[in-house]
Amino acid sequence: MTSAEIREKLKNKTVGVAGCGGLGSNCAVALARVGVGTLILTDFDVIAGSNLNRQYYFLSQLGEPKAAALKRVIHQINPSVSVIAYEIKLDPEHILRYFKDCDVIVEAFDQAEEKEMLIETVLSAFPEKPLVVGVGMAGWGMNESIHYRRSGNLHICGDETTEISSEIPPLAPRVGIVANMQANVVLEILLQS
């Protein structure tokens, strides 16, 4: 498939990204670069200096809402991508409302409880919809531990074990690997549909 054929196939596809931090911002940028037609971004947080070690933001954006800032970044990269940004904390009702028309949903939360809520809601309400999650990306090195696994419409990227802590922080290299793996899985799903 040529680049032109890929762009043609992707231009009418919609991907929802739940969370615009390390995973979500990097995954969304990768999807924008390949030409996904519409990205729906959701995040309630604002950009802090501590985010810059792994998230696709800049010093000039400190204090801005992540979803709105990421929308502007994406438009600088690829203005043909339609970006819908919601500055909200997702709950089951929001997931049903904002992601119902997505071809694929990307889970990019930090907290295990939020991940669980999103996974349960999507698998229950949209069992036919592919959901790409990131689990286990803290620390550095351990390249051989990062993998992809599929269970039905649930696609899992990461090492599935490494939990973020003060001793094992999330850092750009491993977070970026998992985020780009998520984008690659989304691309594979969209190009096969």
N, C-alpha and C. Protein backbone atom coordinates (compact mmCIF):
# COMPACT_ATOMS: atom_id res chain seq x y z
N MET A 1 0.85 -1.17 0.00
CA MET A 1 0.00 0.00 0.00
C MET A 1 0.90 1.24 0.00
N THR A 2 0.65 2.16 -0.89
CA THR A 2 1.45 3.38 -0.99
C THR A 2 1.02 4.39 0.08
N SER A 3 1.85 5.41 0.27
CA SER A 3 1.52 6.48 1.22
C SER A 3 0.20 7.15 0.85
N ALA A 4 -0.02 7.37 -0.44
CA ALA A 4 -1.27 8.00 -0.90
C ALA A 4 -2.47 7.10 -0.59
N GLU A 5 -2.32 5.81 -0.80
CA GLU A 5 -3.41 4.87 -0.50
C GLU A 5 -3.69 4.82 0.99
N ILE A 6 -2.64 4.89 1.80
CA ILE A 6 -2.82 4.89 3.25
C ILE A 6 -3.58 6.14 3.68
N ARG A 7 -3.15 7.30 3.19
CA ARG A 7 -3.83 8.56 3.54
C ARG A 7 -5.30 8.52 3.12
N GLU A 8 -5.57 7.98 1.93
CA GLU A 8 -6.94 7.90 1.43
C GLU A 8 -7.79 7.03 2.35
N LYS A 9 -7.24 5.92 2.80
CA LYS A 9 -7.99 5.00 3.66
C LYS A 9 -8.21 5.59 5.05
N LEU A 10 -7.24 6.36 5.55
CA LEU A 10 -7.32 6.88 6.91
C LEU A 10 -8.13 8.17 7.04
N LYS A 11 -8.33 8.89 5.94
CA LYS A 11 -8.92 10.23 6.04
C LYS A 11 -10.35 10.23 6.59
N ASN A 12 -11.05 9.11 6.51
CA ASN A 12 -12.42 9.04 7.04
C ASN A 12 -12.52 8.23 8.33
N LYS A 13 -11.39 7.98 8.96
CA LYS A 13 -11.36 7.20 10.20
C LYS A 13 -11.30 8.13 11.40
N THR A 14 -11.90 7.66 12.51
CA THR A 14 -11.93 8.43 13.75
C THR A 14 -11.35 7.59 14.88
N VAL A 15 -10.44 8.19 15.63
CA VAL A 15 -9.82 7.53 16.77
C VAL A 15 -10.04 8.39 18.01
N GLY A 16 -10.51 7.76 19.07
CA GLY A 16 -10.66 8.43 20.36
C GLY A 16 -9.44 8.16 21.23
N VAL A 17 -8.94 9.19 21.88
CA VAL A 17 -7.78 9.06 22.76
C VAL A 17 -8.19 9.52 24.16
N ALA A 18 -8.23 8.57 25.08
CA ALA A 18 -8.64 8.84 26.46
C ALA A 18 -7.41 9.13 27.30
N GLY A 19 -7.11 10.40 27.47
CA GLY A 19 -5.93 10.83 28.21
C GLY A 19 -4.90 11.42 27.28
N CYS A 20 -4.41 12.61 27.59
CA CYS A 20 -3.45 13.31 26.72
C CYS A 20 -2.11 13.52 27.42
N GLY A 21 -1.71 12.56 28.24
CA GLY A 21 -0.41 12.63 28.91
C GLY A 21 0.66 11.97 28.06
N GLY A 22 1.54 11.20 28.71
CA GLY A 22 2.66 10.59 28.01
C GLY A 22 2.23 9.67 26.89
N LEU A 23 1.36 8.73 27.17
CA LEU A 23 0.88 7.82 26.13
C LEU A 23 0.01 8.55 25.12
N GLY A 24 -1.00 9.26 25.60
CA GLY A 24 -1.98 9.87 24.70
C GLY A 24 -1.41 10.93 23.79
N SER A 25 -0.55 11.81 24.33
CA SER A 25 -0.02 12.88 23.48
C SER A 25 0.89 12.32 22.40
N ASN A 26 1.74 11.38 22.76
CA ASN A 26 2.65 10.79 21.77
C ASN A 26 1.92 9.92 20.76
N CYS A 27 0.94 9.16 21.20
CA CYS A 27 0.15 8.33 20.29
C CYS A 27 -0.64 9.20 19.32
N ALA A 28 -1.29 10.24 19.83
CA ALA A 28 -2.09 11.13 18.98
C ALA A 28 -1.24 11.81 17.92
N VAL A 29 -0.04 12.25 18.29
CA VAL A 29 0.85 12.89 17.33
C VAL A 29 1.24 11.90 16.23
N ALA A 30 1.56 10.66 16.61
CA ALA A 30 1.92 9.65 15.61
C ALA A 30 0.75 9.40 14.66
N LEU A 31 -0.47 9.34 15.20
CA LEU A 31 -1.65 9.11 14.36
C LEU A 31 -1.91 10.31 13.44
N ALA A 32 -1.67 11.51 13.94
CA ALA A 32 -1.83 12.70 13.10
C ALA A 32 -0.81 12.70 11.97
N ARG A 33 0.41 12.27 12.25
CA ARG A 33 1.46 12.26 11.23
C ARG A 33 1.13 11.30 10.08
N VAL A 34 0.42 10.19 10.38
CA VAL A 34 0.06 9.25 9.31
C VAL A 34 -1.24 9.62 8.63
N GLY A 35 -1.97 10.61 9.17
CA GLY A 35 -3.15 11.12 8.48
C GLY A 35 -4.49 10.57 8.91
N VAL A 36 -4.63 10.10 10.16
CA VAL A 36 -5.96 9.72 10.64
C VAL A 36 -6.86 10.94 10.52
N GLY A 37 -8.05 10.77 9.98
CA GLY A 37 -8.93 11.89 9.67
C GLY A 37 -9.40 12.70 10.84
N THR A 38 -9.85 12.02 11.91
CA THR A 38 -10.38 12.71 13.08
C THR A 38 -9.82 12.09 14.35
N LEU A 39 -9.38 12.95 15.26
CA LEU A 39 -8.94 12.52 16.58
C LEU A 39 -9.83 13.19 17.61
N ILE A 40 -10.38 12.39 18.51
CA ILE A 40 -11.16 12.91 19.62
C ILE A 40 -10.30 12.77 20.87
N LEU A 41 -9.91 13.90 21.46
CA LEU A 41 -9.01 13.93 22.60
C LEU A 41 -9.76 14.30 23.87
N THR A 42 -9.48 13.58 24.96
CA THR A 42 -10.10 13.92 26.24
C THR A 42 -9.06 13.93 27.34
N ASP A 43 -9.08 14.98 28.16
CA ASP A 43 -8.21 15.07 29.33
C ASP A 43 -8.68 16.24 30.18
N PHE A 44 -8.61 16.10 31.50
CA PHE A 44 -9.06 17.16 32.41
C PHE A 44 -7.89 17.96 32.98
N ASP A 45 -6.65 17.51 32.73
CA ASP A 45 -5.48 18.05 33.41
C ASP A 45 -4.84 19.20 32.62
N VAL A 46 -3.94 19.91 33.30
CA VAL A 46 -3.16 20.98 32.66
C VAL A 46 -1.69 20.55 32.62
N ILE A 47 -0.93 21.16 31.73
CA ILE A 47 0.47 20.82 31.54
C ILE A 47 1.31 21.39 32.67
N ALA A 48 2.11 20.51 33.28
CA ALA A 48 3.03 20.91 34.35
C ALA A 48 4.46 20.65 33.87
N GLY A 49 5.40 21.32 34.49
CA GLY A 49 6.80 21.14 34.12
C GLY A 49 7.25 19.70 34.23
N SER A 50 6.71 18.98 35.20
CA SER A 50 7.09 17.57 35.38
C SER A 50 6.61 16.68 34.25
N ASN A 51 5.70 17.16 33.43
CA ASN A 51 5.20 16.38 32.29
C ASN A 51 6.15 16.38 31.11
N LEU A 52 7.03 17.36 31.04
CA LEU A 52 7.85 17.56 29.85
C LEU A 52 8.90 16.47 29.64
N ASN A 53 9.10 15.59 30.63
CA ASN A 53 10.09 14.53 30.45
C ASN A 53 9.54 13.38 29.61
N ARG A 54 8.26 13.43 29.22
CA ARG A 54 7.70 12.32 28.46
C ARG A 54 6.49 12.70 27.60
N GLN A 55 5.94 13.87 27.75
CA GLN A 55 4.72 14.25 27.05
C GLN A 55 5.03 15.22 25.91
N TYR A 56 4.20 15.23 24.87
CA TYR A 56 4.48 16.00 23.66
C TYR A 56 4.00 17.44 23.82
N TYR A 57 4.62 18.14 24.78
CA TYR A 57 4.30 19.55 25.02
C TYR A 57 5.58 20.34 25.13
N PHE A 58 5.43 21.67 25.26
CA PHE A 58 6.56 22.57 25.26
C PHE A 58 6.48 23.52 26.45
N LEU A 59 7.61 24.12 26.82
CA LEU A 59 7.66 25.05 27.95
C LEU A 59 6.62 26.16 27.81
N SER A 60 6.44 26.63 26.61
CA SER A 60 5.50 27.73 26.37
C SER A 60 4.05 27.34 26.66
N GLN A 61 3.79 26.03 26.82
CA GLN A 61 2.42 25.56 27.06
C GLN A 61 2.12 25.25 28.53
N LEU A 62 3.08 25.48 29.42
CA LEU A 62 2.85 25.20 30.84
C LEU A 62 1.58 25.90 31.34
N GLY A 63 0.76 25.17 32.08
CA GLY A 63 -0.48 25.72 32.63
C GLY A 63 -1.68 25.60 31.71
N GLU A 64 -1.46 25.24 30.45
CA GLU A 64 -2.58 25.10 29.51
C GLU A 64 -3.26 23.75 29.68
N PRO A 65 -4.56 23.67 29.38
CA PRO A 65 -5.23 22.36 29.38
C PRO A 65 -4.59 21.44 28.33
N LYS A 66 -4.32 20.21 28.71
CA LYS A 66 -3.62 19.28 27.80
C LYS A 66 -4.38 19.04 26.50
N ALA A 67 -5.68 18.82 26.57
CA ALA A 67 -6.44 18.49 25.36
C ALA A 67 -6.38 19.64 24.35
N ALA A 68 -6.57 20.87 24.81
CA ALA A 68 -6.54 22.03 23.91
C ALA A 68 -5.14 22.26 23.37
N ALA A 69 -4.12 22.11 24.23
CA ALA A 69 -2.74 22.31 23.79
C ALA A 69 -2.34 21.27 22.75
N LEU A 70 -2.75 20.01 22.98
CA LEU A 70 -2.42 18.96 22.02
C LEU A 70 -3.11 19.20 20.68
N LYS A 71 -4.31 19.71 20.72
CA LYS A 71 -5.02 20.04 19.47
C LYS A 71 -4.20 21.05 18.66
N ARG A 72 -3.65 22.07 19.32
CA ARG A 72 -2.84 23.07 18.61
C ARG A 72 -1.54 22.46 18.07
N VAL A 73 -0.92 21.58 18.86
CA VAL A 73 0.31 20.92 18.40
C VAL A 73 0.01 20.11 17.14
N ILE A 74 -1.07 19.34 17.18
CA ILE A 74 -1.42 18.49 16.03
C ILE A 74 -1.70 19.35 14.79
N HIS A 75 -2.37 20.47 14.96
CA HIS A 75 -2.66 21.33 13.80
C HIS A 75 -1.39 21.94 13.21
N GLN A 76 -0.34 22.09 14.02
CA GLN A 76 0.94 22.55 13.48
C GLN A 76 1.63 21.43 12.70
N ILE A 77 1.37 20.19 13.06
CA ILE A 77 1.98 19.04 12.38
C ILE A 77 1.21 18.68 11.12
N ASN A 78 -0.12 18.60 11.26
CA ASN A 78 -0.96 18.17 10.13
C ASN A 78 -2.32 18.86 10.23
N PRO A 79 -2.46 20.03 9.62
CA PRO A 79 -3.71 20.79 9.74
C PRO A 79 -4.91 20.11 9.08
N SER A 80 -4.70 19.07 8.30
CA SER A 80 -5.84 18.39 7.68
C SER A 80 -6.54 17.43 8.63
N VAL A 81 -5.93 17.15 9.78
CA VAL A 81 -6.57 16.28 10.78
C VAL A 81 -7.60 17.10 11.56
N SER A 82 -8.81 16.58 11.65
CA SER A 82 -9.84 17.22 12.46
C SER A 82 -9.63 16.76 13.89
N VAL A 83 -9.47 17.72 14.81
CA VAL A 83 -9.24 17.39 16.22
C VAL A 83 -10.37 17.98 17.04
N ILE A 84 -11.02 17.11 17.81
CA ILE A 84 -12.06 17.53 18.73
C ILE A 84 -11.52 17.29 20.12
N ALA A 85 -11.37 18.36 20.91
CA ALA A 85 -10.76 18.26 22.23
C ALA A 85 -11.78 18.56 23.32
N TYR A 86 -11.87 17.67 24.28
CA TYR A 86 -12.76 17.84 25.43
C TYR A 86 -11.93 17.93 26.69
N GLU A 87 -12.11 19.01 27.43
CA GLU A 87 -11.40 19.21 28.69
C GLU A 87 -12.28 18.68 29.82
N ILE A 88 -12.30 17.34 29.94
CA ILE A 88 -13.17 16.68 30.92
C ILE A 88 -12.46 15.49 31.54
N LYS A 89 -12.95 15.10 32.71
CA LYS A 89 -12.53 13.86 33.33
C LYS A 89 -13.53 12.81 32.88
N LEU A 90 -13.05 11.80 32.18
CA LEU A 90 -13.94 10.80 31.61
C LEU A 90 -14.60 9.95 32.69
N ASP A 91 -15.88 9.70 32.48
CA ASP A 91 -16.63 8.73 33.27
C ASP A 91 -17.40 7.89 32.26
N PRO A 92 -18.10 6.84 32.71
CA PRO A 92 -18.81 5.99 31.73
C PRO A 92 -19.76 6.75 30.81
N GLU A 93 -20.47 7.74 31.33
CA GLU A 93 -21.40 8.51 30.50
C GLU A 93 -20.66 9.27 29.39
N HIS A 94 -19.54 9.90 29.75
CA HIS A 94 -18.75 10.63 28.73
C HIS A 94 -18.19 9.68 27.69
N ILE A 95 -17.73 8.51 28.12
CA ILE A 95 -17.18 7.53 27.18
C ILE A 95 -18.23 7.16 26.14
N LEU A 96 -19.44 6.89 26.60
CA LEU A 96 -20.53 6.52 25.69
C LEU A 96 -20.85 7.67 24.73
N ARG A 97 -20.84 8.89 25.23
CA ARG A 97 -21.20 10.05 24.41
C ARG A 97 -20.10 10.41 23.40
N TYR A 98 -18.86 10.50 23.86
CA TYR A 98 -17.81 11.04 23.00
C TYR A 98 -17.12 10.00 22.11
N PHE A 99 -17.15 8.73 22.49
CA PHE A 99 -16.42 7.72 21.73
C PHE A 99 -17.31 6.76 20.94
N LYS A 100 -18.60 7.00 20.93
CA LYS A 100 -19.53 6.06 20.28
C LYS A 100 -19.28 5.91 18.78
N ASP A 101 -18.80 6.96 18.12
CA ASP A 101 -18.60 6.90 16.66
C ASP A 101 -17.14 6.65 16.26
N CYS A 102 -16.30 6.32 17.23
CA CYS A 102 -14.89 6.07 16.93
C CYS A 102 -14.71 4.69 16.30
N ASP A 103 -13.76 4.59 15.39
CA ASP A 103 -13.40 3.30 14.81
C ASP A 103 -12.53 2.51 15.77
N VAL A 104 -11.70 3.20 16.54
CA VAL A 104 -10.81 2.61 17.54
C VAL A 104 -10.72 3.58 18.71
N ILE A 105 -10.55 3.03 19.92
CA ILE A 105 -10.34 3.86 21.11
C ILE A 105 -8.98 3.50 21.69
N VAL A 106 -8.23 4.54 22.09
CA VAL A 106 -6.93 4.37 22.73
C VAL A 106 -7.07 4.75 24.20
N GLU A 107 -6.68 3.84 25.08
CA GLU A 107 -6.65 4.12 26.53
C GLU A 107 -5.26 4.62 26.86
N ALA A 108 -5.18 5.80 27.50
CA ALA A 108 -3.89 6.39 27.82
C ALA A 108 -3.93 7.06 29.20
N PHE A 109 -4.49 6.36 30.17
CA PHE A 109 -4.59 6.89 31.53
C PHE A 109 -3.38 6.51 32.38
N ASP A 110 -3.16 7.28 33.45
CA ASP A 110 -2.11 6.98 34.41
C ASP A 110 -2.59 6.02 35.50
N GLN A 111 -3.78 6.23 35.98
CA GLN A 111 -4.29 5.51 37.15
C GLN A 111 -4.96 4.19 36.79
N ALA A 112 -4.66 3.15 37.56
CA ALA A 112 -5.22 1.81 37.31
C ALA A 112 -6.75 1.82 37.38
N GLU A 113 -7.31 2.59 38.30
CA GLU A 113 -8.78 2.62 38.43
C GLU A 113 -9.42 3.22 37.19
N GLU A 114 -8.82 4.26 36.63
CA GLU A 114 -9.35 4.88 35.41
C GLU A 114 -9.23 3.92 34.23
N LYS A 115 -8.09 3.23 34.13
CA LYS A 115 -7.90 2.24 33.07
C LYS A 115 -9.00 1.18 33.15
N GLU A 116 -9.21 0.67 34.35
CA GLU A 116 -10.21 -0.38 34.56
C GLU A 116 -11.61 0.11 34.18
N MET A 117 -11.96 1.33 34.60
CA MET A 117 -13.27 1.90 34.30
C MET A 117 -13.47 2.02 32.78
N LEU A 118 -12.46 2.52 32.08
CA LEU A 118 -12.58 2.69 30.63
C LEU A 118 -12.68 1.33 29.94
N ILE A 119 -11.83 0.40 30.32
CA ILE A 119 -11.85 -0.92 29.69
C ILE A 119 -13.20 -1.60 29.91
N GLU A 120 -13.69 -1.58 31.13
CA GLU A 120 -14.99 -2.22 31.42
C GLU A 120 -16.12 -1.55 30.66
N THR A 121 -16.11 -0.22 30.60
CA THR A 121 -17.17 0.51 29.91
C THR A 121 -17.16 0.21 28.41
N VAL A 122 -15.98 0.27 27.80
CA VAL A 122 -15.89 0.05 26.35
C VAL A 122 -16.24 -1.40 26.00
N LEU A 123 -15.68 -2.35 26.74
CA LEU A 123 -15.96 -3.76 26.42
C LEU A 123 -17.43 -4.10 26.64
N SER A 124 -18.07 -3.44 27.57
CA SER A 124 -19.49 -3.69 27.83
C SER A 124 -20.39 -2.97 26.82
N ALA A 125 -20.14 -1.69 26.59
CA ALA A 125 -21.01 -0.88 25.72
C ALA A 125 -20.70 -1.04 24.24
N PHE A 126 -19.42 -1.23 23.91
CA PHE A 126 -18.99 -1.33 22.51
C PHE A 126 -18.14 -2.58 22.31
N PRO A 127 -18.68 -3.76 22.49
CA PRO A 127 -17.86 -4.98 22.42
C PRO A 127 -17.20 -5.20 21.06
N GLU A 128 -17.75 -4.60 20.01
CA GLU A 128 -17.19 -4.78 18.66
C GLU A 128 -16.07 -3.78 18.35
N LYS A 129 -15.90 -2.79 19.22
CA LYS A 129 -14.96 -1.70 18.96
C LYS A 129 -13.57 -2.04 19.49
N PRO A 130 -12.52 -1.95 18.67
CA PRO A 130 -11.17 -2.20 19.16
C PRO A 130 -10.74 -1.17 20.20
N LEU A 131 -10.13 -1.66 21.27
CA LEU A 131 -9.62 -0.82 22.36
C LEU A 131 -8.14 -1.15 22.53
N VAL A 132 -7.28 -0.12 22.40
CA VAL A 132 -5.83 -0.29 22.48
C VAL A 132 -5.36 0.35 23.78
N VAL A 133 -4.81 -0.47 24.68
CA VAL A 133 -4.41 0.01 26.00
C VAL A 133 -2.90 -0.07 26.19
N GLY A 134 -2.39 0.75 27.10
CA GLY A 134 -0.97 0.73 27.47
C GLY A 134 -0.84 0.31 28.92
N VAL A 135 -0.08 -0.75 29.15
CA VAL A 135 0.09 -1.27 30.51
C VAL A 135 1.56 -1.64 30.72
N GLY A 136 2.23 -0.92 31.60
CA GLY A 136 3.60 -1.24 31.95
C GLY A 136 4.63 -0.58 31.06
N MET A 137 5.02 0.67 31.44
CA MET A 137 6.02 1.37 30.63
C MET A 137 6.96 2.20 31.49
N ALA A 138 6.93 2.01 32.79
CA ALA A 138 7.77 2.81 33.69
C ALA A 138 9.23 2.40 33.59
N GLY A 139 10.10 3.31 33.98
CA GLY A 139 11.53 3.02 34.07
C GLY A 139 12.27 3.21 32.76
N TRP A 140 13.34 2.45 32.61
CA TRP A 140 14.23 2.57 31.45
C TRP A 140 14.77 1.19 31.11
N GLY A 141 15.36 1.07 29.93
CA GLY A 141 15.91 -0.22 29.52
C GLY A 141 14.82 -1.27 29.39
N MET A 142 15.16 -2.51 29.63
CA MET A 142 14.22 -3.64 29.60
C MET A 142 13.44 -3.69 28.28
N ASN A 143 14.11 -3.37 27.18
CA ASN A 143 13.44 -3.34 25.87
C ASN A 143 12.77 -4.67 25.54
N GLU A 144 13.41 -5.77 25.90
CA GLU A 144 12.87 -7.08 25.56
C GLU A 144 11.56 -7.39 26.27
N SER A 145 11.22 -6.63 27.31
CA SER A 145 9.98 -6.91 28.06
C SER A 145 8.75 -6.29 27.41
N ILE A 146 8.92 -5.31 26.54
CA ILE A 146 7.78 -4.62 25.92
C ILE A 146 7.25 -5.49 24.78
N HIS A 147 5.93 -5.69 24.80
CA HIS A 147 5.33 -6.57 23.81
C HIS A 147 3.89 -6.14 23.51
N TYR A 148 3.30 -6.85 22.59
CA TYR A 148 1.91 -6.64 22.19
C TYR A 148 1.17 -7.96 22.40
N ARG A 149 -0.05 -7.84 22.92
CA ARG A 149 -0.90 -9.02 23.12
C ARG A 149 -2.34 -8.63 22.82
N ARG A 150 -3.06 -9.56 22.22
CA ARG A 150 -4.46 -9.30 21.89
C ARG A 150 -5.35 -10.33 22.57
N SER A 151 -6.49 -9.83 23.07
CA SER A 151 -7.52 -10.69 23.63
C SER A 151 -8.86 -10.19 23.09
N GLY A 152 -9.34 -10.80 22.03
CA GLY A 152 -10.56 -10.31 21.38
C GLY A 152 -10.32 -8.94 20.80
N ASN A 153 -11.15 -7.96 21.18
CA ASN A 153 -10.98 -6.58 20.71
C ASN A 153 -10.15 -5.73 21.65
N LEU A 154 -9.55 -6.35 22.66
CA LEU A 154 -8.65 -5.66 23.58
C LEU A 154 -7.22 -5.89 23.13
N HIS A 155 -6.51 -4.80 22.82
CA HIS A 155 -5.14 -4.85 22.33
C HIS A 155 -4.25 -4.23 23.41
N ILE A 156 -3.28 -4.97 23.92
CA ILE A 156 -2.47 -4.54 25.05
C ILE A 156 -1.02 -4.31 24.61
N CYS A 157 -0.50 -3.12 24.92
CA CYS A 157 0.88 -2.75 24.59
C CYS A 157 1.61 -2.39 25.89
N GLY A 158 2.83 -2.89 26.05
CA GLY A 158 3.63 -2.59 27.23
C GLY A 158 4.25 -3.85 27.79
N ASP A 159 4.79 -3.75 29.00
CA ASP A 159 5.36 -4.96 29.60
C ASP A 159 4.38 -5.65 30.55
N GLU A 160 3.25 -5.00 30.81
CA GLU A 160 2.15 -5.52 31.63
C GLU A 160 2.53 -5.75 33.08
N THR A 161 3.70 -5.29 33.54
CA THR A 161 4.08 -5.50 34.93
C THR A 161 4.66 -4.26 35.61
N THR A 162 5.42 -3.45 34.91
CA THR A 162 6.14 -2.35 35.54
C THR A 162 5.19 -1.23 35.95
N GLU A 163 5.05 -1.04 37.26
CA GLU A 163 4.18 0.01 37.80
C GLU A 163 4.98 1.27 38.08
N ILE A 164 4.38 2.40 37.80
CA ILE A 164 5.03 3.68 38.04
C ILE A 164 5.13 3.92 39.55
N SER A 165 6.30 4.38 39.99
CA SER A 165 6.52 4.74 41.39
C SER A 165 7.59 5.81 41.43
N SER A 166 7.90 6.32 42.63
CA SER A 166 8.96 7.32 42.74
C SER A 166 10.32 6.72 42.39
N GLU A 167 10.48 5.42 42.57
CA GLU A 167 11.74 4.74 42.25
C GLU A 167 11.80 4.29 40.78
N ILE A 168 10.64 4.13 40.15
CA ILE A 168 10.57 3.71 38.74
C ILE A 168 9.62 4.69 38.03
N PRO A 169 10.12 5.88 37.70
CA PRO A 169 9.26 6.90 37.09
C PRO A 169 8.99 6.62 35.60
N PRO A 170 7.94 7.24 35.08
CA PRO A 170 7.72 7.17 33.63
C PRO A 170 8.68 8.14 32.94
N LEU A 171 9.42 7.64 31.96
CA LEU A 171 10.39 8.45 31.23
C LEU A 171 10.13 8.34 29.73
N ALA A 172 10.57 9.34 28.99
CA ALA A 172 10.27 9.45 27.56
C ALA A 172 10.56 8.21 26.74
N PRO A 173 11.72 7.54 26.88
CA PRO A 173 11.98 6.43 25.97
C PRO A 173 10.95 5.30 26.04
N ARG A 174 10.70 4.74 27.22
CA ARG A 174 9.76 3.61 27.31
C ARG A 174 8.32 4.07 27.08
N VAL A 175 7.95 5.24 27.59
CA VAL A 175 6.60 5.75 27.35
C VAL A 175 6.40 5.96 25.85
N GLY A 176 7.40 6.53 25.19
CA GLY A 176 7.31 6.76 23.74
C GLY A 176 7.22 5.47 22.95
N ILE A 177 7.97 4.45 23.37
CA ILE A 177 7.90 3.15 22.69
C ILE A 177 6.50 2.59 22.77
N VAL A 178 5.92 2.60 23.97
CA VAL A 178 4.57 2.03 24.14
C VAL A 178 3.54 2.88 23.41
N ALA A 179 3.65 4.21 23.48
CA ALA A 179 2.71 5.09 22.77
C ALA A 179 2.76 4.86 21.26
N ASN A 180 3.95 4.72 20.73
CA ASN A 180 4.07 4.48 19.29
C ASN A 180 3.65 3.07 18.92
N MET A 181 3.82 2.13 19.83
CA MET A 181 3.30 0.77 19.61
C MET A 181 1.77 0.83 19.55
N GLN A 182 1.16 1.60 20.45
CA GLN A 182 -0.29 1.77 20.41
C GLN A 182 -0.71 2.37 19.06
N ALA A 183 -0.02 3.41 18.61
CA ALA A 183 -0.36 4.03 17.33
C ALA A 183 -0.20 3.03 16.19
N ASN A 184 0.82 2.21 16.25
CA ASN A 184 1.05 1.21 15.21
C ASN A 184 -0.06 0.17 15.19
N VAL A 185 -0.54 -0.23 16.37
CA VAL A 185 -1.66 -1.18 16.45
C VAL A 185 -2.92 -0.53 15.87
N VAL A 186 -3.18 0.73 16.23
CA VAL A 186 -4.34 1.44 15.68
C VAL A 186 -4.24 1.49 14.16
N LEU A 187 -3.08 1.83 13.64
CA LEU A 187 -2.88 1.91 12.19
C LEU A 187 -3.17 0.56 11.54
N GLU A 188 -2.66 -0.50 12.12
CA GLU A 188 -2.89 -1.85 11.59
C GLU A 188 -4.39 -2.18 11.55
N ILE A 189 -5.09 -1.86 12.63
CA ILE A 189 -6.54 -2.11 12.70
C ILE A 189 -7.26 -1.32 11.62
N LEU A 190 -6.95 -0.03 11.49
CA LEU A 190 -7.65 0.83 10.53
C LEU A 190 -7.37 0.43 9.09
N LEU A 191 -6.16 0.02 8.80
CA LEU A 191 -5.82 -0.34 7.42
C LEU A 191 -6.37 -1.70 7.03
N GLN A 192 -6.73 -2.52 8.01
CA GLN A 192 -7.31 -3.83 7.71
C GLN A 192 -8.84 -3.77 7.59
N SER A 193 -9.42 -2.67 8.07
CA SER A 193 -10.89 -2.58 8.06
C SER A 193 -11.43 -2.12 6.72
